[in-house]
Structure formats: C-alpha cells, structure tokens
Amino acid sequence: MRSTFRQLRLLFCALRYGVRLLWLAAPEHHKLHWLLTLASRLRDDERFASSLHGALPRLAPVAAAFAQVLGERPELAATTLHDAIDALERLETPLAPDALEHALHAALGKPPKTLLSWIAPEPCHHGWCEQTHIARLALPVNGHQMVTLRVLRTDHTEAVDDEAALLCNVARWVERFSPSARKLQLRKLALALREDLQRRFDLRAQAANLSQAGHHLADNPRIVVPDVIWDLCTPHTLAVQHIDTVPANDLVGLAEHRINVTRVAAHLIEVVTQQAFEHGFFHAALDARRVAVSVEPDTHGRLVLAASALMTSLSSPEREFFVHGATALFQQDYGRLAALHHAAGNVPGHARTEQIEAELRTRSEAHFADDADTRSAGALFHQLLHAVQPFGGDVSPRLVAAQRAFGQAEELARTIHPGVDAWSIAERTLAGIAQRDLDHRGWIRRLSQELPHLAQVAPRVPQLLFHFLQRHAGVQHGHPAGAAAAPHGGGHAGNLVEALRREHRRTRTLLIACGVCGVVLGATAMWLGH
C-alpha cells in the first residue's frame, strides 16, 4: 500500500511539474496544438531517439558503466549493495534509552526489564537500520548470562523495503518501453536486490544460519560460534552469546592480547575453505568488519564469524566439482579438469575438451610461475570458474560467491600476516577434503544417504525375483510371459518349484550377508568416530 502511494505521488509530481513546464514553454494562443505537434514529432523522429539513446550514457557515464557491468555480472549487485549499506554506518543517531526500551517492548512482546537485568545504553555497533547492545539476562540460559542483542529499527527497514518495491515497479515499466532494459533483465536484477535486502534484515533466518554453522563447526578448534538465545529471537531482535573479541585487522589489539597472527591468518583460510567446500554452507559477504578473534580465556585466539548477515549454501554436485576441480588444477591436470567441466554441465556439449584444456593451461600457468610468497589461490580459482566463458559456458553463481568469499578471506589473511602461504594452505585443505570424499568416510556417508531407498527396495526383492523367474520359465518353454504360470506338465512344474526354492535360498543368503555387512560397517563407523 505504501509503495502504491509512493508511485502515485511520483507520477503526480512528474505530471505536475513536467507538464507545467511544457505548458509555460508553449505559445500563448496555440498551447494544445503545439504540445500535440511536439509529441508527434518526437515520436516520429528517429534521429532524436538515437541522439537521446547516445546522450544518456554521456550524461551519466558512471551509471551507464555500472549498469553494463551489472548486466554482465549480476552477482556483483549484492556485494555492492551491502557495501553501500555498511558505508551508511554511524550516519544515523542511535536510539535514545526510552526509544530503545519502547522498541524492545514492541519486539519482545513484554517489558525488557522482565528478561534483562541490564542493557548498555550506548550501542557497541549501530548502522542505518540496526544497532547492537551488550546486555545481561535476568536468568541464565544454557549457562550464558551476557548476551549480544541486535535490534532492528522498524521504521527504517519498512522504508527500505518500500523503496525496493518501488524500484522493482519502475524496472518493470522501464522494461516495457526499453529493449536495452529487457536485455539487461533490469526487473530481475531489482528483484534480486530486494530479496537480498529482505535476507539482510531477516533476523530469525540469521539466527537459524548461525545455529547451523555452529552445528557444523562445533568440533573445530579454530573457530567459536556463539550460541543463539532463541527466547529473545524475534523478527526484529537477535540475541546470541556474548564473546569478548578484537577485530581481526586490529594488529595492535591482537599483539596486546598475545594472539599469534600467523596462526590466525592460517586458520581464517582453513575455516572459510572448509565452510564452503566441505560443509557447503558459508558466509557470502566476508570482510574485515565481520571477522573477529576471541580474547576470552576458554576460547583465546579462536575466530568469531558471528556478525555476517548473509550466508549461502552449495549443493553436493557444486561442492564436489569445486573440490576435485581445484585439486586437479593444483596438480596441473588440465585434461581431468576439462572433463569435470563437461560432466558438471558448465560448457555446451559441442565444446571440445582439448580446447578447454588449452584455455585452462593458458590462464593458469602464469599463476604457477609467480613466486611462492606472491601466488594467489583466489586468483587461480577465478580461472577455474571463468575459463569456460569463451566457449559459451557458465558456472553457478553460488560457486562464484564461494570463490569470492575465499578471495576475501585470503586478502584479509595477508593483511593480518603478509607472509602467510595461502596457496599451500588452500592446496592442503582442499586435498584433505577430496581425500575424505574418496576414502571410507565418503563411502559411509553415501551409503547412509542410500539406506532409506534400500529400505524400500529390499522387501520387494523376493517378489521381483519370483516374477522374473515366471517370465524366464515361460519364455524358455515357448509360452507367452503372461501365461507362464499355467501348468504344462509335472516335469515343468517341478523344475519351476525347484528353481523357486533355489532362488529363495539365494535371496535369504543375500539378505543375511547384507545385514552382516551393515552391522560391520556401522560398528566400524562408530569405532572410527571415537
């Protein structure tokens, strides 16, 4: 409703001031005739249309170039948008204590004093549409007393969603009248921007993402994921366990707390690589402002990635393609990598494998020729994904986001410790993930995924064998398959009964063997897990 009102108001202003300006410019006694003549001439004049089409990029060259880049690489829109929103930090005045209490009361549905014994009046972080406070719970939850409470500013988020909806409607109308806008898929881009904004301000989804990341990384000694306090999580609030941290790029603070920067830089690359390519669930917008290091005694020196608003997942085929493709690329096995591109459907079927192999070799060998301290694994992964573009191929945007997240982690790691060997760390980590995919752990995981299907098929095996033997016996004696069950002599019937008994014994032996193998595999998996 608000978006419709804004559109009507925008149309009213355009008509009021635009038509009024034309009306004043028209001759005194022939205004209507002049306006109609002007409109018809502008519509029929091809030179004017082409001149206007060429003049607009000159009037706004930056906007025109930005639109062209977004049309070619729409995945950059989300990053650019979030960086722009983050740049608005501290431009808004934080909520006053009374306004903060009112906002918390509206979000939680009860007075904050009944849930919190203390809340810091000054936010530890505030942005355009949200602010974060440190608070103390009235009663501990899961052993946690101190929490970090993020509060959305409802009026600002509603205004942002309103403007995004208006942008989508404007893009839809522009596409109707502009072939260039249809070629750029302007409406699709605007919808993607609106969806990303909604994800950024969906605090319950962020709480779920944080909880799942904590489940994946619970046993990882390199990182600590704060626990989510679900009792205080609403669409407008997010509460997590409070951890004292210092920013990862604060080298002075890291030195004061005696944190080994070499280990922090290496752990950052390892954690981001494992998140994306082993668990398939990673931070899509990773930068220095969203990475911190714990300074608490129990988790001293561990990474904390709790401030990221957006997370993305990779499917199993995408994850396996990147892991094994990157392993082949590190081994300079370009033929296997080209075959993996074909198997993953990243290139058209008519693209020749040897041409893709030559393109990969041309793009990648320069990276291997660099010095060990200047080689960039992120730049090498860029060639892994984009070498198929000259052949009309393309990879998943989620893989591009994963490669970009790794590049950001590598850049931050070099900022923390310029001498970090990101190339070797990435190669070793990805080789370990590939090995775990191919050894007994990968077999057990795939077997556990297939067991639900086997549980449905196994009881039908005797019946399927019986029908198969019926058809086989009927065809062997020259009878139709449907008439195989009719008796055609005692000898034939005796042979059929004996064959059925023999197959029944074989089936029972097979099922027993399968059961024994399942028990052995389960016991082995439990033993390896311990």
Protein backbone atom coordinates (compact mmCIF):
# COMPACT_ATOMS: atom_id res chain seq x y z
CA MET A 1 0.00 0.00 0.00
CA ARG A 2 2.80 2.41 0.90
CA SER A 3 4.62 1.52 -2.34
CA THR A 4 1.49 2.24 -4.40
CA PHE A 5 1.09 5.59 -2.67
CA ARG A 6 4.71 6.47 -3.42
CA GLN A 7 4.23 5.58 -7.10
CA LEU A 8 1.14 7.74 -7.35
CA ARG A 9 2.93 10.61 -5.65
CA LEU A 10 5.90 10.25 -8.02
CA LEU A 11 3.57 10.22 -11.04
CA PHE A 12 1.72 13.27 -9.68
CA CYS A 13 4.96 15.24 -9.27
CA ALA A 14 6.14 14.29 -12.77
CA LEU A 15 2.86 15.33 -14.34
CA ARG A 16 2.53 18.47 -12.27
CA TYR A 17 5.96 19.95 -12.85
CA GLY A 18 6.80 18.39 -16.23
CA VAL A 19 3.52 19.27 -17.92
CA ARG A 20 3.52 22.69 -16.28
CA LEU A 21 6.98 23.42 -17.68
CA LEU A 22 5.91 22.39 -21.18
CA TRP A 23 2.72 24.41 -20.85
CA LEU A 24 4.68 27.56 -19.96
CA ALA A 25 7.06 26.98 -22.89
CA ALA A 26 4.20 26.69 -25.41
CA PRO A 27 2.94 29.71 -27.43
CA GLU A 28 0.24 31.76 -25.77
CA HIS A 29 -2.63 31.09 -28.22
CA HIS A 30 -1.70 27.62 -29.57
CA LYS A 31 -0.64 25.68 -26.50
CA LEU A 32 -2.59 22.46 -27.10
CA HIS A 33 -1.75 22.30 -30.81
CA TRP A 34 1.91 22.95 -30.02
CA LEU A 35 2.04 20.17 -27.43
CA LEU A 36 0.43 17.65 -29.79
CA THR A 37 2.76 18.61 -32.63
CA LEU A 38 5.80 18.32 -30.35
CA ALA A 39 4.74 14.87 -29.14
CA SER A 40 4.15 13.55 -32.68
CA ARG A 41 7.46 14.90 -33.96
CA LEU A 42 9.41 13.43 -31.06
CA ARG A 43 7.75 10.07 -31.64
CA ASP A 44 8.46 10.01 -35.38
CA ASP A 45 11.96 11.49 -35.30
CA GLU A 46 14.45 8.58 -35.39
CA ARG A 47 17.42 10.93 -35.13
CA PHE A 48 16.10 12.33 -31.86
CA ALA A 49 15.59 8.84 -30.43
CA SER A 50 19.12 7.75 -31.40
CA SER A 51 20.58 11.01 -30.09
CA LEU A 52 18.78 10.60 -26.78
CA HIS A 53 19.95 6.99 -26.55
CA GLY A 54 23.54 8.13 -27.06
CA ALA A 55 23.28 11.19 -24.85
CA LEU A 56 22.10 9.41 -21.72
CA PRO A 57 25.36 7.45 -21.24
CA ARG A 58 27.32 10.69 -21.71
CA LEU A 59 25.16 12.45 -19.13
CA ALA A 60 25.77 9.65 -16.61
CA PRO A 61 28.81 7.65 -17.71
CA VAL A 62 29.37 6.08 -14.30
CA ALA A 63 25.77 4.91 -14.03
CA ALA A 64 25.84 3.58 -17.59
CA ALA A 65 29.06 1.64 -16.98
CA PHE A 66 27.71 0.35 -13.67
CA ALA A 67 24.54 -0.88 -15.37
CA GLN A 68 26.55 -2.58 -18.11
CA VAL A 69 28.77 -4.38 -15.57
CA LEU A 70 25.76 -5.49 -13.54
CA GLY A 71 24.13 -6.79 -16.71
CA GLU A 72 27.19 -8.91 -17.46
CA ARG A 73 27.87 -9.97 -13.86
CA PRO A 74 24.67 -9.64 -11.79
CA GLU A 75 26.23 -11.44 -8.81
CA LEU A 76 28.18 -8.23 -8.05
CA ALA A 77 24.96 -6.37 -7.27
CA ALA A 78 24.52 -7.94 -3.85
CA THR A 79 28.06 -7.18 -2.71
CA THR A 80 27.89 -3.61 -3.97
CA LEU A 81 24.56 -3.05 -2.25
CA HIS A 82 25.70 -4.41 1.10
CA ASP A 83 28.91 -2.40 0.98
CA ALA A 84 26.85 0.71 0.30
CA ILE A 85 24.58 -0.02 3.27
CA ASP A 86 27.56 -0.68 5.52
CA ALA A 87 29.00 2.66 4.44
CA LEU A 88 25.96 4.37 5.98
CA GLU A 89 27.07 3.19 9.44
CA ARG A 90 27.00 5.91 12.09
CA LEU A 91 25.19 8.34 9.80
CA GLU A 92 22.08 7.74 11.90
CA THR A 93 21.84 8.74 15.55
CA PRO A 94 21.34 5.73 17.85
CA LEU A 95 18.04 5.31 19.61
CA ALA A 96 17.66 7.09 22.92
CA PRO A 97 17.25 4.83 26.00
CA ASP A 98 13.49 5.44 26.14
CA ALA A 99 13.07 4.77 22.42
CA LEU A 100 15.24 1.66 22.74
CA GLU A 101 13.09 0.34 25.59
CA HIS A 102 9.95 1.00 23.57
CA ALA A 103 11.39 -0.79 20.52
CA LEU A 104 12.41 -3.80 22.64
CA HIS A 105 8.97 -3.91 24.29
CA ALA A 106 7.28 -3.90 20.88
CA ALA A 107 9.62 -6.59 19.52
CA LEU A 108 9.65 -8.92 22.54
CA GLY A 109 6.01 -8.51 23.50
CA LYS A 110 6.84 -7.79 27.16
CA PRO A 111 8.83 -5.20 29.13
CA PRO A 112 12.59 -5.67 28.64
CA LYS A 113 13.14 -5.46 32.41
CA THR A 114 11.41 -8.82 32.88
CA LEU A 115 14.02 -10.52 30.65
CA LEU A 116 17.12 -8.34 31.02
CA SER A 117 18.67 -7.17 34.26
CA TRP A 118 20.93 -4.68 32.47
CA ILE A 119 21.49 -3.33 28.97
CA ALA A 120 24.23 -1.00 27.83
CA PRO A 121 22.75 2.40 26.92
CA GLU A 122 25.34 3.00 24.21
CA PRO A 123 25.42 0.52 21.30
CA CYS A 124 28.64 -1.30 20.54
CA HIS A 125 27.67 -1.11 16.89
CA HIS A 126 24.98 0.82 15.07
CA GLY A 127 24.16 1.20 11.42
CA TRP A 128 21.45 2.56 9.24
CA CYS A 129 18.70 0.10 10.15
CA GLU A 130 20.00 -1.70 13.25
CA GLN A 131 22.02 -1.32 16.39
CA THR A 132 23.69 -3.81 18.73
CA HIS A 133 23.88 -3.68 22.54
CA ILE A 134 25.51 -5.80 25.23
CA ALA A 135 23.02 -6.98 27.86
CA ARG A 136 22.77 -9.23 30.89
CA LEU A 137 19.97 -11.78 31.20
CA ALA A 138 17.80 -11.81 34.30
CA LEU A 139 18.11 -15.62 34.38
CA PRO A 140 20.94 -17.57 32.70
CA VAL A 141 20.05 -19.51 29.56
CA ASN A 142 22.19 -22.58 28.76
CA GLY A 143 24.81 -21.25 31.16
CA HIS A 144 25.06 -17.87 29.40
CA GLN A 145 24.44 -14.64 31.30
CA MET A 146 25.87 -11.98 28.98
CA VAL A 147 24.34 -11.66 25.50
CA THR A 148 24.77 -9.53 22.40
CA LEU A 149 21.37 -8.13 21.40
CA ARG A 150 20.75 -6.78 17.90
CA VAL A 151 17.66 -4.61 17.37
CA LEU A 152 16.16 -3.59 14.03
CA ARG A 153 14.81 -0.09 13.54
CA THR A 154 11.40 -1.00 12.17
CA ASP A 155 10.64 2.34 10.53
CA HIS A 156 13.92 2.27 8.60
CA THR A 157 13.51 -1.33 7.39
CA GLU A 158 9.96 -0.61 6.23
CA ALA A 159 11.20 2.42 4.30
CA VAL A 160 13.98 0.35 2.68
CA ASP A 161 11.55 -2.38 1.63
CA ASP A 162 9.19 0.30 0.35
CA GLU A 163 11.89 1.84 -1.81
CA ALA A 164 12.96 -1.59 -3.08
CA ALA A 165 9.38 -2.38 -4.10
CA LEU A 166 9.17 0.96 -5.90
CA LEU A 167 12.44 0.16 -7.68
CA CYS A 168 11.03 -3.18 -8.86
CA ASN A 169 7.92 -1.50 -10.26
CA VAL A 170 9.97 1.19 -12.02
CA ALA A 171 12.21 -1.51 -13.51
CA ARG A 172 9.14 -3.38 -14.77
CA TRP A 173 7.81 -0.26 -16.53
CA VAL A 174 11.22 0.58 -17.98
CA GLU A 175 11.49 -2.95 -19.42
CA ARG A 176 8.19 -2.46 -21.24
CA PHE A 177 9.50 0.52 -23.20
CA SER A 178 13.25 -0.12 -23.43
CA PRO A 179 14.85 -3.04 -25.33
CA SER A 180 18.13 -2.31 -23.56
CA ALA A 181 16.45 -2.72 -20.17
CA ARG A 182 14.94 -6.03 -21.27
CA LYS A 183 18.35 -7.19 -22.46
CA LEU A 184 19.87 -6.29 -19.08
CA GLN A 185 16.94 -8.01 -17.28
CA LEU A 186 16.51 -4.93 -15.13
CA ARG A 187 13.44 -6.20 -13.28
CA LYS A 188 15.16 -9.48 -12.39
CA LEU A 189 18.11 -7.53 -11.03
CA ALA A 190 15.84 -5.29 -8.96
CA LEU A 191 14.02 -8.33 -7.53
CA ALA A 192 17.36 -9.89 -6.60
CA LEU A 193 18.36 -6.71 -4.79
CA ARG A 194 15.08 -6.65 -2.88
CA GLU A 195 15.45 -10.31 -1.88
CA ASP A 196 18.97 -9.67 -0.62
CA LEU A 197 17.74 -6.72 1.42
CA GLN A 198 15.00 -8.83 2.95
CA ARG A 199 17.52 -11.54 3.82
CA ARG A 200 19.79 -8.94 5.40
CA PHE A 201 17.03 -7.78 7.73
CA ASP A 202 15.53 -11.21 8.48
CA LEU A 203 16.96 -11.78 11.96
CA ARG A 204 15.26 -15.13 12.56
CA ALA A 205 16.84 -16.51 9.39
CA GLN A 206 20.19 -15.18 10.57
CA ALA A 207 19.71 -16.93 13.91
CA ALA A 208 18.97 -20.19 12.10
CA ASN A 209 22.05 -19.74 9.89
CA LEU A 210 24.21 -19.09 12.95
CA SER A 211 22.82 -22.16 14.69
CA GLN A 212 23.52 -24.40 11.68
CA ALA A 213 27.04 -23.02 11.32
CA GLY A 214 27.62 -23.78 15.00
CA HIS A 215 26.43 -27.36 14.44
CA HIS A 216 28.87 -27.82 11.54
CA LEU A 217 31.84 -26.29 13.36
CA ALA A 218 31.19 -27.50 16.90
CA ASP A 219 34.33 -29.67 16.97
CA ASN A 220 36.57 -27.25 15.06
CA PRO A 221 39.28 -25.86 17.39
CA ARG A 222 39.96 -22.91 15.08
CA ILE A 223 36.62 -21.13 15.46
CA VAL A 224 33.94 -20.50 18.04
CA VAL A 225 30.31 -19.88 17.06
CA PRO A 226 28.17 -18.11 19.70
CA ASP A 227 25.08 -19.92 20.92
CA VAL A 228 21.73 -18.48 19.89
CA ILE A 229 19.37 -17.40 22.69
CA TRP A 230 16.13 -18.38 20.99
CA ASP A 231 13.89 -16.94 23.73
CA LEU A 232 14.95 -13.44 22.69
CA CYS A 233 14.92 -14.02 18.93
CA THR A 234 12.04 -12.35 17.07
CA PRO A 235 11.67 -10.89 13.57
CA HIS A 236 13.16 -7.65 14.96
CA THR A 237 15.68 -8.89 17.56
CA LEU A 238 18.58 -11.35 17.59
CA ALA A 239 20.30 -12.45 20.81
CA VAL A 240 23.48 -14.56 20.91
CA GLN A 241 26.07 -15.46 23.50
CA HIS A 242 28.42 -12.55 24.12
CA ILE A 243 32.11 -13.17 23.42
CA ASP A 244 34.80 -10.57 24.08
CA THR A 245 36.67 -10.07 20.81
CA VAL A 246 39.02 -7.78 18.93
CA PRO A 247 38.75 -7.15 15.18
CA ALA A 248 40.92 -9.44 13.11
CA ASN A 249 42.59 -6.49 11.37
CA ASP A 250 43.43 -4.74 14.67
CA LEU A 251 47.06 -5.80 14.80
CA VAL A 252 47.76 -3.67 17.88
CA GLY A 253 44.89 -5.25 19.80
CA LEU A 254 45.98 -8.74 18.74
CA ALA A 255 49.51 -8.03 19.97
CA GLU A 256 48.21 -6.68 23.31
CA HIS A 257 46.30 -9.92 23.92
CA ARG A 258 49.29 -12.03 22.79
CA ILE A 259 47.49 -13.63 19.87
CA ASN A 260 49.60 -15.36 17.22
CA VAL A 261 48.73 -13.54 13.98
CA THR A 262 50.38 -16.23 11.85
CA ARG A 263 48.05 -18.86 13.24
CA VAL A 264 45.01 -16.57 12.95
CA ALA A 265 45.73 -15.91 9.26
CA ALA A 266 46.17 -19.61 8.51
CA HIS A 267 43.06 -20.57 10.48
CA LEU A 268 40.99 -17.99 8.57
CA ILE A 269 41.84 -19.56 5.21
CA GLU A 270 41.28 -23.09 6.51
CA VAL A 271 37.92 -22.29 8.12
CA VAL A 272 36.50 -20.46 5.11
CA THR A 273 37.65 -23.28 2.79
CA GLN A 274 36.09 -25.97 4.99
CA GLN A 275 32.88 -23.98 5.43
CA ALA A 276 32.32 -23.57 1.71
CA PHE A 277 33.70 -26.77 0.22
CA GLU A 278 33.26 -29.39 2.94
CA HIS A 279 30.05 -28.31 4.67
CA GLY A 280 28.68 -26.33 1.70
CA PHE A 281 27.41 -23.51 3.96
CA PHE A 282 29.49 -20.32 4.08
CA HIS A 283 29.48 -16.56 4.67
CA ALA A 284 28.60 -14.83 1.41
CA ALA A 285 29.72 -11.34 2.45
CA LEU A 286 33.01 -11.72 4.30
CA ASP A 287 35.30 -8.81 5.06
CA ALA A 288 37.43 -7.44 7.85
CA ARG A 289 34.50 -5.80 9.64
CA ARG A 290 32.77 -9.17 10.05
CA VAL A 291 35.76 -11.16 11.35
CA ALA A 292 36.93 -11.04 14.98
CA VAL A 293 39.20 -13.02 17.30
CA SER A 294 38.16 -14.17 20.76
CA VAL A 295 40.15 -12.87 23.76
CA GLU A 296 38.30 -14.87 26.42
CA PRO A 297 40.35 -17.46 28.35
CA ASP A 298 38.35 -20.52 27.20
CA THR A 299 38.39 -19.59 23.50
CA HIS A 300 41.52 -17.42 23.32
CA GLY A 301 42.73 -16.91 19.74
CA ARG A 302 39.76 -18.53 18.00
CA LEU A 303 37.99 -16.88 15.11
CA VAL A 304 34.48 -15.46 15.57
CA LEU A 305 32.34 -15.05 12.42
CA ALA A 306 29.03 -14.14 14.05
CA ALA A 307 28.47 -10.70 12.52
CA SER A 308 27.81 -11.77 8.94
CA ALA A 309 24.27 -11.11 7.77
CA LEU A 310 24.24 -13.31 4.66
CA MET A 311 25.09 -16.97 4.21
CA THR A 312 24.81 -19.16 1.12
CA SER A 313 24.84 -22.90 0.54
CA LEU A 314 26.37 -25.08 -2.18
CA SER A 315 24.74 -28.24 -3.48
CA SER A 316 26.65 -31.52 -3.28
CA PRO A 317 27.45 -31.59 -7.05
CA GLU A 318 28.73 -27.98 -6.89
CA ARG A 319 30.84 -28.69 -3.84
CA GLU A 320 32.32 -31.87 -5.30
CA PHE A 321 33.07 -30.17 -8.64
CA PHE A 322 34.99 -27.36 -6.96
CA VAL A 323 36.92 -29.64 -4.57
CA HIS A 324 38.04 -32.13 -7.21
CA GLY A 325 38.43 -29.45 -9.89
CA ALA A 326 40.67 -27.34 -7.64
CA THR A 327 42.68 -30.44 -6.72
CA ALA A 328 43.21 -31.21 -10.42
CA LEU A 329 44.15 -27.56 -11.04
CA PHE A 330 46.77 -27.59 -8.27
CA GLN A 331 48.17 -30.78 -9.84
CA GLN A 332 48.10 -29.02 -13.26
CA ASP A 333 45.96 -31.84 -14.63
CA TYR A 334 44.02 -29.68 -17.09
CA GLY A 335 42.60 -32.63 -19.04
CA ARG A 336 40.81 -34.00 -15.95
CA LEU A 337 39.55 -30.52 -15.08
CA ALA A 338 38.14 -30.06 -18.61
CA ALA A 339 36.37 -33.42 -18.27
CA LEU A 340 34.94 -32.29 -14.91
CA HIS A 341 33.57 -29.14 -16.57
CA HIS A 342 31.86 -31.32 -19.19
CA ALA A 343 30.46 -33.70 -16.55
CA ALA A 344 29.12 -30.80 -14.47
CA GLY A 345 27.38 -29.24 -17.49
CA ASN A 346 29.36 -25.99 -17.28
CA VAL A 347 30.09 -26.00 -21.03
CA PRO A 348 27.95 -26.85 -24.08
CA GLY A 349 28.19 -30.38 -25.37
CA HIS A 350 29.83 -29.29 -28.63
CA ALA A 351 32.78 -27.66 -26.83
CA ARG A 352 35.93 -29.70 -27.43
CA THR A 353 37.78 -30.98 -24.37
CA GLU A 354 41.23 -30.21 -25.78
CA GLN A 355 40.25 -26.57 -26.40
CA ILE A 356 39.01 -26.17 -22.82
CA GLU A 357 42.21 -27.83 -21.61
CA ALA A 358 44.32 -25.37 -23.65
CA GLU A 359 42.35 -22.38 -22.30
CA LEU A 360 42.81 -23.58 -18.71
CA ARG A 361 46.54 -24.08 -19.29
CA THR A 362 46.92 -20.61 -20.82
CA ARG A 363 45.11 -18.92 -17.95
CA SER A 364 46.66 -20.89 -15.07
CA GLU A 365 50.32 -21.43 -15.89
CA ALA A 366 51.13 -17.78 -15.21
CA HIS A 367 49.97 -18.23 -11.61
CA PHE A 368 52.28 -21.22 -11.10
CA ALA A 369 55.19 -19.15 -12.44
CA ASP A 370 54.82 -16.49 -9.70
CA ASP A 371 56.95 -16.51 -6.58
CA ALA A 372 55.69 -18.59 -3.68
CA ASP A 373 55.04 -15.53 -1.49
CA THR A 374 53.01 -13.71 -4.18
CA ARG A 375 50.93 -16.56 -5.60
CA SER A 376 47.19 -16.16 -5.02
CA ALA A 377 44.96 -19.20 -4.75
CA GLY A 378 41.89 -16.97 -5.08
CA ALA A 379 43.08 -15.70 -8.46
CA LEU A 380 43.76 -19.27 -9.56
CA PHE A 381 40.24 -20.32 -8.53
CA HIS A 382 38.89 -17.43 -10.61
CA GLN A 383 40.42 -19.05 -13.69
CA LEU A 384 38.98 -22.40 -12.64
CA LEU A 385 35.44 -21.00 -12.85
CA HIS A 386 35.71 -18.47 -15.68
CA ALA A 387 37.83 -20.32 -18.22
CA VAL A 388 34.64 -21.76 -19.75
CA GLN A 389 33.20 -18.37 -20.75
CA PRO A 390 34.93 -18.21 -24.19
CA PHE A 391 33.09 -21.43 -25.11
CA GLY A 392 29.65 -20.13 -24.14
CA GLY A 393 29.73 -21.86 -20.76
CA ASP A 394 28.97 -20.59 -17.29
CA VAL A 395 29.15 -21.81 -13.70
CA SER A 396 26.71 -21.47 -10.84
CA PRO A 397 26.54 -18.00 -9.21
CA ARG A 398 26.86 -19.74 -5.84
CA LEU A 399 30.24 -21.14 -6.87
CA VAL A 400 31.28 -17.63 -7.89
CA ALA A 401 30.16 -16.38 -4.46
CA ALA A 402 32.20 -19.13 -2.77
CA GLN A 403 35.29 -18.22 -4.81
CA ARG A 404 34.78 -14.55 -3.95
CA ALA A 405 34.46 -15.37 -0.23
CA PHE A 406 37.71 -17.34 -0.39
CA GLY A 407 39.40 -14.40 -2.14
CA GLN A 408 38.21 -12.04 0.59
CA ALA A 409 39.48 -14.41 3.29
CA GLU A 410 42.86 -14.67 1.54
CA GLU A 411 43.12 -10.89 1.25
CA LEU A 412 42.28 -10.43 4.94
CA ALA A 413 44.77 -13.15 5.91
CA ARG A 414 47.52 -11.31 4.02
CA THR A 415 46.52 -8.12 5.84
CA ILE A 416 46.86 -9.86 9.19
CA HIS A 417 50.11 -11.60 8.27
CA PRO A 418 51.69 -10.65 4.90
CA GLY A 419 53.90 -13.74 4.90
CA VAL A 420 51.08 -16.29 5.07
CA ASP A 421 51.35 -19.03 2.43
CA ALA A 422 47.70 -19.01 1.36
CA TRP A 423 48.46 -21.14 -1.71
CA SER A 424 49.85 -24.09 0.27
CA ILE A 425 47.15 -23.83 2.94
CA ALA A 426 44.36 -23.92 0.35
CA GLU A 427 46.01 -26.79 -1.53
CA ARG A 428 46.45 -28.84 1.63
CA THR A 429 42.93 -28.16 2.91
CA LEU A 430 41.22 -28.99 -0.39
CA ALA A 431 43.34 -32.13 -0.81
CA GLY A 432 42.19 -33.26 2.64
CA ILE A 433 38.54 -32.65 1.74
CA ALA A 434 38.95 -34.58 -1.53
CA GLN A 435 40.60 -37.46 0.33
CA ARG A 436 37.75 -37.62 2.84
CA ASP A 437 35.31 -37.74 -0.07
CA LEU A 438 37.05 -40.74 -1.62
CA ASP A 439 38.01 -42.85 1.40
CA HIS A 440 35.84 -44.93 3.73
CA ARG A 441 34.25 -41.80 5.24
CA GLY A 442 32.87 -40.79 1.87
CA TRP A 443 31.63 -44.33 1.24
CA ILE A 444 29.88 -44.45 4.62
CA ARG A 445 28.26 -41.05 4.03
CA ARG A 446 26.97 -42.07 0.60
CA LEU A 447 25.77 -45.42 1.96
CA SER A 448 23.85 -43.64 4.72
CA GLN A 449 22.21 -41.46 2.07
CA GLU A 450 21.15 -44.55 0.07
CA LEU A 451 19.91 -46.63 3.03
CA PRO A 452 16.40 -45.05 3.07
CA HIS A 453 15.98 -46.10 -0.59
CA LEU A 454 17.33 -49.59 0.10
CA ALA A 455 14.88 -49.99 2.98
CA GLN A 456 12.03 -49.55 0.50
CA VAL A 457 13.50 -51.77 -2.23
CA ALA A 458 14.83 -54.72 -0.16
CA PRO A 459 11.42 -56.15 0.91
CA ARG A 460 10.35 -56.28 -2.75
CA VAL A 461 13.38 -58.27 -3.93
CA PRO A 462 11.80 -61.79 -3.46
CA GLN A 463 8.65 -60.72 -5.30
CA LEU A 464 10.66 -59.20 -8.14
CA LEU A 465 12.74 -62.40 -8.42
CA PHE A 466 9.59 -64.53 -8.48
CA HIS A 467 8.09 -62.53 -11.36
CA PHE A 468 11.42 -62.64 -13.20
CA LEU A 469 11.60 -66.44 -12.90
CA GLN A 470 7.99 -66.75 -14.07
CA ARG A 471 8.73 -64.77 -17.22
CA HIS A 472 12.01 -66.62 -17.77
CA ALA A 473 10.37 -70.06 -17.44
CA GLY A 474 7.53 -69.09 -19.78
CA VAL A 475 9.88 -67.78 -22.47
CA GLN A 476 12.18 -70.80 -22.17
CA HIS A 477 9.33 -73.28 -22.85
CA GLY A 478 7.86 -71.27 -25.68
CA HIS A 479 4.90 -69.74 -23.83
CA PRO A 480 3.97 -66.07 -23.51
CA ALA A 481 5.22 -64.31 -20.39
CA GLY A 482 1.67 -63.80 -19.13
CA ALA A 483 0.84 -67.49 -19.45
CA ALA A 484 3.96 -68.79 -17.70
CA ALA A 485 2.05 -69.51 -14.51
CA ALA A 486 -0.23 -72.09 -16.17
CA PRO A 487 0.81 -75.73 -15.62
CA HIS A 488 2.14 -77.51 -18.72
CA GLY A 489 3.27 -80.80 -17.25
CA GLY A 490 4.52 -82.19 -13.97
CA GLY A 491 8.19 -82.02 -15.00
CA HIS A 492 7.99 -78.41 -15.92
CA ALA A 493 6.14 -77.56 -12.69
CA GLY A 494 8.70 -79.49 -10.62
CA ASN A 495 11.56 -77.69 -12.28
CA LEU A 496 9.88 -74.33 -11.64
CA VAL A 497 9.27 -75.14 -7.97
CA GLU A 498 12.87 -76.27 -7.53
CA ALA A 499 14.14 -73.09 -9.20
CA LEU A 500 11.96 -71.00 -6.91
CA ARG A 501 13.30 -72.78 -3.83
CA ARG A 502 16.85 -72.33 -5.01
CA GLU A 503 16.35 -68.62 -5.65
CA HIS A 504 14.62 -68.27 -2.29
CA ARG A 505 17.67 -69.74 -0.56
CA ARG A 506 19.97 -67.42 -2.51
CA THR A 507 17.83 -64.39 -1.66
CA ARG A 508 17.80 -65.29 2.03
CA THR A 509 21.59 -65.75 1.99
CA LEU A 510 21.98 -62.38 0.23
CA LEU A 511 19.81 -60.59 2.78
CA ILE A 512 21.72 -62.16 5.67
CA ALA A 513 25.01 -61.12 4.08
CA CYS A 514 23.71 -57.57 3.61
CA GLY A 515 22.65 -57.44 7.25
CA VAL A 516 26.05 -58.68 8.45
CA CYS A 517 27.83 -56.15 6.22
CA GLY A 518 25.63 -53.36 7.56
CA VAL A 519 26.44 -54.29 11.15
CA VAL A 520 30.16 -54.42 10.38
CA LEU A 521 30.08 -51.05 8.59
CA GLY A 522 28.12 -49.46 11.43
CA ALA A 523 30.49 -50.79 14.07
CA THR A 524 33.47 -49.60 12.01
CA ALA A 525 31.98 -46.12 11.59
CA MET A 526 31.34 -45.84 15.34
CA TRP A 527 34.88 -47.03 16.09
CA LEU A 528 36.39 -44.52 13.66
CA GLY A 529 34.21 -41.77 15.08
CA HIS A 530 35.52 -42.41 18.58
